[in-house]
Amino acid sequence: MWTNFAHCGNPSTDKVEWKAYSVNDQNVMVIGGPGDLRIEQGLLADQYKAVLPLLGYYQFMDKFFTPGYLLDIIAARK
């Protein structure tokens, strides 16, 4: 799977199709051990719901905290 991913960007093999993750199709590859590979959906849904409010906060704060933000504060103190 690593070789396929490195070669063509798709880790699928003849035995397992590794479907892409998207908001609408939440596919997660579960690797349980040798011979135990399966796709499950919605495994990260609860984590995503928990983090979603923080994403809005960080996007809001991103408008104010620019890379030069701390330098601007230090310069203003001088």
PDB file of N, CA and C in Angstrom:
ATOM      1  N   MET A   1       0.819  -1.186   0.000  1.00  0.00           N
ATOM      2  CA  MET A   1       0.000   0.000   0.000  1.00  0.00           C
ATOM      3  C   MET A   1       0.874   1.265   0.000  1.00  0.00           C
ATOM      4  N   TRP A   2       1.960   1.228   0.804  1.00  0.00           N
ATOM      5  CA  TRP A   2       2.873   2.383   0.820  1.00  0.00           C
ATOM      6  C   TRP A   2       3.493   2.580  -0.552  1.00  0.00           C
ATOM      7  N   THR A   3       3.879   1.497  -1.181  1.00  0.00           N
ATOM      8  CA  THR A   3       4.500   1.569  -2.497  1.00  0.00           C
ATOM      9  C   THR A   3       3.516   2.124  -3.530  1.00  0.00           C
ATOM     10  N   ASN A   4       2.287   1.637  -3.502  1.00  0.00           N
ATOM     11  CA  ASN A   4       1.276   2.151  -4.428  1.00  0.00           C
ATOM     12  C   ASN A   4       1.042   3.642  -4.205  1.00  0.00           C
ATOM     13  N   PHE A   5       0.971   4.052  -2.950  1.00  0.00           N
ATOM     14  CA  PHE A   5       0.745   5.461  -2.643  1.00  0.00           C
ATOM     15  C   PHE A   5       1.898   6.321  -3.148  1.00  0.00           C
ATOM     16  N   ALA A   6       3.125   5.859  -2.914  1.00  0.00           N
ATOM     17  CA  ALA A   6       4.295   6.610  -3.364  1.00  0.00           C
ATOM     18  C   ALA A   6       4.370   6.663  -4.896  1.00  0.00           C
ATOM     19  N   HIS A   7       3.972   5.574  -5.524  1.00  0.00           N
ATOM     20  CA  HIS A   7       4.080   5.483  -6.985  1.00  0.00           C
ATOM     21  C   HIS A   7       2.982   6.275  -7.703  1.00  0.00           C
ATOM     22  N   CYS A   8       1.723   6.132  -7.253  1.00  0.00           N
ATOM     23  CA  CYS A   8       0.623   6.737  -8.019  1.00  0.00           C
ATOM     24  C   CYS A   8      -0.339   7.576  -7.176  1.00  0.00           C
ATOM     25  N   GLY A   9      -0.080   7.717  -5.871  1.00  0.00           N
ATOM     26  CA  GLY A   9      -0.949   8.531  -5.027  1.00  0.00           C
ATOM     27  C   GLY A   9      -2.204   7.827  -4.551  1.00  0.00           C
ATOM     28  N   ASN A  10      -2.312   6.533  -4.832  1.00  0.00           N
ATOM     29  CA  ASN A  10      -3.478   5.756  -4.409  1.00  0.00           C
ATOM     30  C   ASN A  10      -2.993   4.472  -3.750  1.00  0.00           C
ATOM     31  N   PRO A  11      -3.249   4.290  -2.441  1.00  0.00           N
ATOM     32  CA  PRO A  11      -2.731   3.111  -1.744  1.00  0.00           C
ATOM     33  C   PRO A  11      -3.528   1.825  -1.977  1.00  0.00           C
ATOM     34  N   SER A  12      -4.563   1.854  -2.791  1.00  0.00           N
ATOM     35  CA  SER A  12      -5.371   0.656  -3.030  1.00  0.00           C
ATOM     36  C   SER A  12      -4.542  -0.462  -3.647  1.00  0.00           C
ATOM     37  N   THR A  13      -4.958  -1.697  -3.367  1.00  0.00           N
ATOM     38  CA  THR A  13      -4.321  -2.881  -3.955  1.00  0.00           C
ATOM     39  C   THR A  13      -5.404  -3.724  -4.620  1.00  0.00           C
ATOM     40  N   ASP A  14      -5.008  -4.876  -5.141  1.00  0.00           N
ATOM     41  CA  ASP A  14      -5.989  -5.786  -5.729  1.00  0.00           C
ATOM     42  C   ASP A  14      -6.959  -6.310  -4.674  1.00  0.00           C
ATOM     43  N   LYS A  15      -6.512  -6.397  -3.429  1.00  0.00           N
ATOM     44  CA  LYS A  15      -7.332  -6.961  -2.352  1.00  0.00           C
ATOM     45  C   LYS A  15      -8.158  -5.912  -1.612  1.00  0.00           C
ATOM     46  N   VAL A  16      -7.651  -4.686  -1.534  1.00  0.00           N
ATOM     47  CA  VAL A  16      -8.314  -3.646  -0.745  1.00  0.00           C
ATOM     48  C   VAL A  16      -8.360  -2.342  -1.528  1.00  0.00           C
ATOM     49  N   GLU A  17      -9.566  -1.792  -1.662  1.00  0.00           N
ATOM     50  CA  GLU A  17      -9.700  -0.467  -2.259  1.00  0.00           C
ATOM     51  C   GLU A  17      -9.744   0.547  -1.117  1.00  0.00           C
ATOM     52  N   TRP A  18      -8.749   1.402  -1.062  1.00  0.00           N
ATOM     53  CA  TRP A  18      -8.669   2.421  -0.017  1.00  0.00           C
ATOM     54  C   TRP A  18      -9.353   3.663  -0.551  1.00  0.00           C
ATOM     55  N   LYS A  19     -10.585   3.850  -0.151  1.00  0.00           N
ATOM     56  CA  LYS A  19     -11.378   4.968  -0.638  1.00  0.00           C
ATOM     57  C   LYS A  19     -10.964   6.256   0.064  1.00  0.00           C
ATOM     58  N   ALA A  20     -11.014   7.355  -0.668  1.00  0.00           N
ATOM     59  CA  ALA A  20     -10.612   8.653  -0.121  1.00  0.00           C
ATOM     60  C   ALA A  20     -11.589   9.118   0.959  1.00  0.00           C
ATOM     61  N   TYR A  21     -11.060   9.869   1.923  1.00  0.00           N
ATOM     62  CA  TYR A  21     -11.869  10.458   2.982  1.00  0.00           C
ATOM     63  C   TYR A  21     -12.408  11.795   2.504  1.00  0.00           C
ATOM     64  N   SER A  22     -13.665  12.038   2.752  1.00  0.00           N
ATOM     65  CA  SER A  22     -14.268  13.340   2.460  1.00  0.00           C
ATOM     66  C   SER A  22     -15.329  13.600   3.515  1.00  0.00           C
ATOM     67  N   VAL A  23     -15.825  14.816   3.569  1.00  0.00           N
ATOM     68  CA  VAL A  23     -16.843  15.156   4.558  1.00  0.00           C
ATOM     69  C   VAL A  23     -18.091  14.308   4.344  1.00  0.00           C
ATOM     70  N   ASN A  24     -18.450  14.089   3.089  1.00  0.00           N
ATOM     71  CA  ASN A  24     -19.661  13.321   2.787  1.00  0.00           C
ATOM     72  C   ASN A  24     -19.446  11.815   2.851  1.00  0.00           C
ATOM     73  N   ASP A  25     -18.236  11.364   2.618  1.00  0.00           N
ATOM     74  CA  ASP A  25     -17.925   9.931   2.564  1.00  0.00           C
ATOM     75  C   ASP A  25     -16.740   9.679   3.490  1.00  0.00           C
ATOM     76  N   GLN A  26     -17.004   9.513   4.783  1.00  0.00           N
ATOM     77  CA  GLN A  26     -15.959   9.467   5.800  1.00  0.00           C
ATOM     78  C   GLN A  26     -15.356   8.071   5.923  1.00  0.00           C
ATOM     79  N   ASN A  27     -14.552   7.713   4.923  1.00  0.00           N
ATOM     80  CA  ASN A  27     -13.908   6.401   4.896  1.00  0.00           C
ATOM     81  C   ASN A  27     -12.608   6.441   5.688  1.00  0.00           C
ATOM     82  N   VAL A  28     -12.448   5.474   6.579  1.00  0.00           N
ATOM     83  CA  VAL A  28     -11.219   5.341   7.357  1.00  0.00           C
ATOM     84  C   VAL A  28     -10.727   3.909   7.212  1.00  0.00           C
ATOM     85  N   MET A  29      -9.456   3.744   6.854  1.00  0.00           N
ATOM     86  CA  MET A  29      -8.884   2.409   6.747  1.00  0.00           C
ATOM     87  C   MET A  29      -8.477   1.944   8.137  1.00  0.00           C
ATOM     88  N   VAL A  30      -9.019   0.813   8.551  1.00  0.00           N
ATOM     89  CA  VAL A  30      -8.658   0.213   9.834  1.00  0.00           C
ATOM     90  C   VAL A  30      -7.676  -0.914   9.542  1.00  0.00           C
ATOM     91  N   ILE A  31      -6.476  -0.784  10.074  1.00  0.00           N
ATOM     92  CA  ILE A  31      -5.446  -1.809   9.896  1.00  0.00           C
ATOM     93  C   ILE A  31      -5.296  -2.504  11.238  1.00  0.00           C
ATOM     94  N   GLY A  32      -5.939  -3.667  11.363  1.00  0.00           N
ATOM     95  CA  GLY A  32      -5.962  -4.395  12.625  1.00  0.00           C
ATOM     96  C   GLY A  32      -4.798  -5.354  12.789  1.00  0.00           C
ATOM     97  N   GLY A  33      -4.101  -5.645  11.728  1.00  0.00           N
ATOM     98  CA  GLY A  33      -2.988  -6.585  11.768  1.00  0.00           C
ATOM     99  C   GLY A  33      -2.880  -7.276  10.425  1.00  0.00           C
ATOM    100  N   PRO A  34      -1.970  -8.236  10.318  1.00  0.00           N
ATOM    101  CA  PRO A  34      -1.808  -8.938   9.042  1.00  0.00           C
ATOM    102  C   PRO A  34      -3.127  -9.575   8.596  1.00  0.00           C
ATOM    103  N   GLY A  35      -3.566  -9.227   7.409  1.00  0.00           N
ATOM    104  CA  GLY A  35      -4.799  -9.796   6.864  1.00  0.00           C
ATOM    105  C   GLY A  35      -6.065  -9.151   7.398  1.00  0.00           C
ATOM    106  N   ASP A  36      -5.957  -8.167   8.276  1.00  0.00           N
ATOM    107  CA  ASP A  36      -7.128  -7.519   8.855  1.00  0.00           C
ATOM    108  C   ASP A  36      -7.173  -6.054   8.427  1.00  0.00           C
ATOM    109  N   LEU A  37      -7.607  -5.841   7.189  1.00  0.00           N
ATOM    110  CA  LEU A  37      -7.749  -4.501   6.633  1.00  0.00           C
ATOM    111  C   LEU A  37      -9.207  -4.300   6.247  1.00  0.00           C
ATOM    112  N   ARG A  38      -9.771  -3.174   6.650  1.00  0.00           N
ATOM    113  CA  ARG A  38     -11.157  -2.908   6.276  1.00  0.00           C
ATOM    114  C   ARG A  38     -11.410  -1.399   6.283  1.00  0.00           C
ATOM    115  N   ILE A  39     -12.391  -0.997   5.500  1.00  0.00           N
ATOM    116  CA  ILE A  39     -12.822   0.398   5.465  1.00  0.00           C
ATOM    117  C   ILE A  39     -14.037   0.517   6.381  1.00  0.00           C
ATOM    118  N   GLU A  40     -14.006   1.512   7.255  1.00  0.00           N
ATOM    119  CA  GLU A  40     -15.160   1.812   8.093  1.00  0.00           C
ATOM    120  C   GLU A  40     -15.498   3.284   7.903  1.00  0.00           C
ATOM    121  N   GLN A  41     -16.741   3.602   8.102  1.00  0.00           N
ATOM    122  CA  GLN A  41     -17.180   4.985   7.913  1.00  0.00           C
ATOM    123  C   GLN A  41     -17.614   5.589   9.246  1.00  0.00           C
ATOM    124  N   GLY A  42     -17.363   6.889   9.386  1.00  0.00           N
ATOM    125  CA  GLY A  42     -17.842   7.629  10.541  1.00  0.00           C
ATOM    126  C   GLY A  42     -17.050   7.442  11.821  1.00  0.00           C
ATOM    127  N   LEU A  43     -15.882   6.814  11.759  1.00  0.00           N
ATOM    128  CA  LEU A  43     -15.098   6.604  12.977  1.00  0.00           C
ATOM    129  C   LEU A  43     -14.659   7.918  13.607  1.00  0.00           C
ATOM    130  N   LEU A  44     -14.426   8.923  12.794  1.00  0.00           N
ATOM    131  CA  LEU A  44     -13.939  10.196  13.309  1.00  0.00           C
ATOM    132  C   LEU A  44     -15.044  11.235  13.454  1.00  0.00           C
ATOM    133  N   ALA A  45     -16.290  10.845  13.250  1.00  0.00           N
ATOM    134  CA  ALA A  45     -17.394  11.804  13.279  1.00  0.00           C
ATOM    135  C   ALA A  45     -17.499  12.508  14.627  1.00  0.00           C
ATOM    136  N   ASP A  46     -17.380  11.774  15.730  1.00  0.00           N
ATOM    137  CA  ASP A  46     -17.483  12.393  17.053  1.00  0.00           C
ATOM    138  C   ASP A  46     -16.325  13.356  17.305  1.00  0.00           C
ATOM    139  N   GLN A  47     -15.115  12.971  16.900  1.00  0.00           N
ATOM    140  CA  GLN A  47     -13.966  13.850  17.066  1.00  0.00           C
ATOM    141  C   GLN A  47     -14.139  15.111  16.218  1.00  0.00           C
ATOM    142  N   TYR A  48     -14.641  14.947  15.009  1.00  0.00           N
ATOM    143  CA  TYR A  48     -14.848  16.090  14.121  1.00  0.00           C
ATOM    144  C   TYR A  48     -15.860  17.063  14.733  1.00  0.00           C
ATOM    145  N   LYS A  49     -16.949  16.525  15.279  1.00  0.00           N
ATOM    146  CA  LYS A  49     -17.968  17.369  15.910  1.00  0.00           C
ATOM    147  C   LYS A  49     -17.397  18.117  17.110  1.00  0.00           C
ATOM    148  N   ALA A  50     -16.495  17.468  17.855  1.00  0.00           N
ATOM    149  CA  ALA A  50     -15.902  18.104  19.036  1.00  0.00           C
ATOM    150  C   ALA A  50     -14.950  19.227  18.650  1.00  0.00           C
ATOM    151  N   VAL A  51     -14.255  19.089  17.539  1.00  0.00           N
ATOM    152  CA  VAL A  51     -13.248  20.064  17.113  1.00  0.00           C
ATOM    153  C   VAL A  51     -13.858  21.199  16.285  1.00  0.00           C
ATOM    154  N   LEU A  52     -15.007  20.972  15.691  1.00  0.00           N
ATOM    155  CA  LEU A  52     -15.611  21.948  14.785  1.00  0.00           C
ATOM    156  C   LEU A  52     -15.738  23.353  15.383  1.00  0.00           C
ATOM    157  N   PRO A  53     -16.198  23.519  16.629  1.00  0.00           N
ATOM    158  CA  PRO A  53     -16.266  24.881  17.179  1.00  0.00           C
ATOM    159  C   PRO A  53     -14.894  25.558  17.267  1.00  0.00           C
ATOM    160  N   LEU A  54     -13.852  24.786  17.530  1.00  0.00           N
ATOM    161  CA  LEU A  54     -12.510  25.354  17.618  1.00  0.00           C
ATOM    162  C   LEU A  54     -12.019  25.841  16.265  1.00  0.00           C
ATOM    163  N   LEU A  55     -12.420  25.172  15.200  1.00  0.00           N
ATOM    164  CA  LEU A  55     -11.998  25.590  13.870  1.00  0.00           C
ATOM    165  C   LEU A  55     -12.498  26.997  13.565  1.00  0.00           C
ATOM    166  N   GLY A  56     -13.732  27.270  13.924  1.00  0.00           N
ATOM    167  CA  GLY A  56     -14.273  28.607  13.716  1.00  0.00           C
ATOM    168  C   GLY A  56     -13.527  29.644  14.537  1.00  0.00           C
ATOM    169  N   TYR A  57     -13.164  29.291  15.767  1.00  0.00           N
ATOM    170  CA  TYR A  57     -12.421  30.206  16.634  1.00  0.00           C
ATOM    171  C   TYR A  57     -11.055  30.523  16.038  1.00  0.00           C
ATOM    172  N   TYR A  58     -10.335  29.490  15.605  1.00  0.00           N
ATOM    173  CA  TYR A  58      -8.996  29.714  15.061  1.00  0.00           C
ATOM    174  C   TYR A  58      -9.042  30.476  13.744  1.00  0.00           C
ATOM    175  N   GLN A  59     -10.068  30.239  12.932  1.00  0.00           N
ATOM    176  CA  GLN A  59     -10.194  31.000  11.690  1.00  0.00           C
ATOM    177  C   GLN A  59     -10.467  32.463  12.000  1.00  0.00           C
ATOM    178  N   PHE A  60     -11.256  32.726  13.052  1.00  0.00           N
ATOM    179  CA  PHE A  60     -11.534  34.095  13.477  1.00  0.00           C
ATOM    180  C   PHE A  60     -10.255  34.753  13.988  1.00  0.00           C
ATOM    181  N   MET A  61      -9.509  34.058  14.842  1.00  0.00           N
ATOM    182  CA  MET A  61      -8.299  34.606  15.441  1.00  0.00           C
ATOM    183  C   MET A  61      -7.192  34.788  14.409  1.00  0.00           C
ATOM    184  N   ASP A  62      -7.206  33.980  13.371  1.00  0.00           N
ATOM    185  CA  ASP A  62      -6.200  34.074  12.318  1.00  0.00           C
ATOM    186  C   ASP A  62      -6.180  35.448  11.657  1.00  0.00           C
ATOM    187  N   LYS A  63      -7.338  36.109  11.643  1.00  0.00           N
ATOM    188  CA  LYS A  63      -7.416  37.432  11.032  1.00  0.00           C
ATOM    189  C   LYS A  63      -6.626  38.459  11.838  1.00  0.00           C
ATOM    190  N   PHE A  64      -6.490  38.211  13.146  1.00  0.00           N
ATOM    191  CA  PHE A  64      -5.834  39.173  14.021  1.00  0.00           C
ATOM    192  C   PHE A  64      -4.377  38.830  14.305  1.00  0.00           C
ATOM    193  N   PHE A  65      -4.076  37.549  14.404  1.00  0.00           N
ATOM    194  CA  PHE A  65      -2.717  37.126  14.736  1.00  0.00           C
ATOM    195  C   PHE A  65      -1.938  36.814  13.472  1.00  0.00           C
ATOM    196  N   THR A  66      -1.368  37.838  12.900  1.00  0.00           N
ATOM    197  CA  THR A  66      -0.560  37.690  11.696  1.00  0.00           C
ATOM    198  C   THR A  66       0.857  37.288  12.104  1.00  0.00           C
ATOM    199  N   PRO A  67       1.693  36.863  11.175  1.00  0.00           N
ATOM    200  CA  PRO A  67       3.067  36.491  11.530  1.00  0.00           C
ATOM    201  C   PRO A  67       3.829  37.618  12.229  1.00  0.00           C
ATOM    202  N   GLY A  68       3.522  38.867  11.905  1.00  0.00           N
ATOM    203  CA  GLY A  68       4.223  39.984  12.532  1.00  0.00           C
ATOM    204  C   GLY A  68       3.539  40.529  13.767  1.00  0.00           C
ATOM    205  N   TYR A  69       2.506  39.835  14.256  1.00  0.00           N
ATOM    206  CA  TYR A  69       1.705  40.323  15.380  1.00  0.00           C
ATOM    207  C   TYR A  69       2.551  40.609  16.619  1.00  0.00           C
ATOM    208  N   LEU A  70       3.363  39.653  17.031  1.00  0.00           N
ATOM    209  CA  LEU A  70       4.198  39.850  18.230  1.00  0.00           C
ATOM    210  C   LEU A  70       5.232  40.936  18.011  1.00  0.00           C
ATOM    211  N   LEU A  71       5.786  41.016  16.827  1.00  0.00           N
ATOM    212  CA  LEU A  71       6.746  42.065  16.532  1.00  0.00           C
ATOM    213  C   LEU A  71       6.087  43.445  16.610  1.00  0.00           C
ATOM    214  N   ASP A  72       4.841  43.519  16.160  1.00  0.00           N
ATOM    215  CA  ASP A  72       4.087  44.779  16.248  1.00  0.00           C
ATOM    216  C   ASP A  72       3.864  45.178  17.706  1.00  0.00           C
ATOM    217  N   ILE A  73       3.562  44.205  18.556  1.00  0.00           N
ATOM    218  CA  ILE A  73       3.360  44.496  19.985  1.00  0.00           C
ATOM    219  C   ILE A  73       4.656  44.988  20.615  1.00  0.00           C
ATOM    220  N   ILE A  74       5.755  44.328  20.300  1.00  0.00           N
ATOM    221  CA  ILE A  74       7.058  44.724  20.870  1.00  0.00           C
ATOM    222  C   ILE A  74       7.433  46.121  20.378  1.00  0.00           C
ATOM    223  N   ALA A  75       7.225  46.391  19.104  1.00  0.00           N
ATOM    224  CA  ALA A  75       7.559  47.706  18.552  1.00  0.00           C
ATOM    225  C   ALA A  75       6.705  48.804  19.189  1.00  0.00           C
ATOM    226  N   ALA A  76       5.442  48.483  19.486  1.00  0.00           N
ATOM    227  CA  ALA A  76       4.561  49.485  20.092  1.00  0.00           C
ATOM    228  C   ALA A  76       4.975  49.806  21.527  1.00  0.00           C
ATOM    229  N   ARG A  77       5.626  48.886  22.207  1.00  0.00           N
ATOM    230  CA  ARG A  77       6.051  49.114  23.595  1.00  0.00           C
ATOM    231  C   ARG A  77       7.272  50.011  23.658  1.00  0.00           C
ATOM    232  N   LYS A  78       8.031  50.103  22.591  1.00  0.00           N
ATOM    233  CA  LYS A  78       9.264  50.882  22.586  1.00  0.00           C
ATOM    234  C   LYS A  78       9.007  52.352  22.498  1.00  0.00           C
TER     235      LYS A  78
END
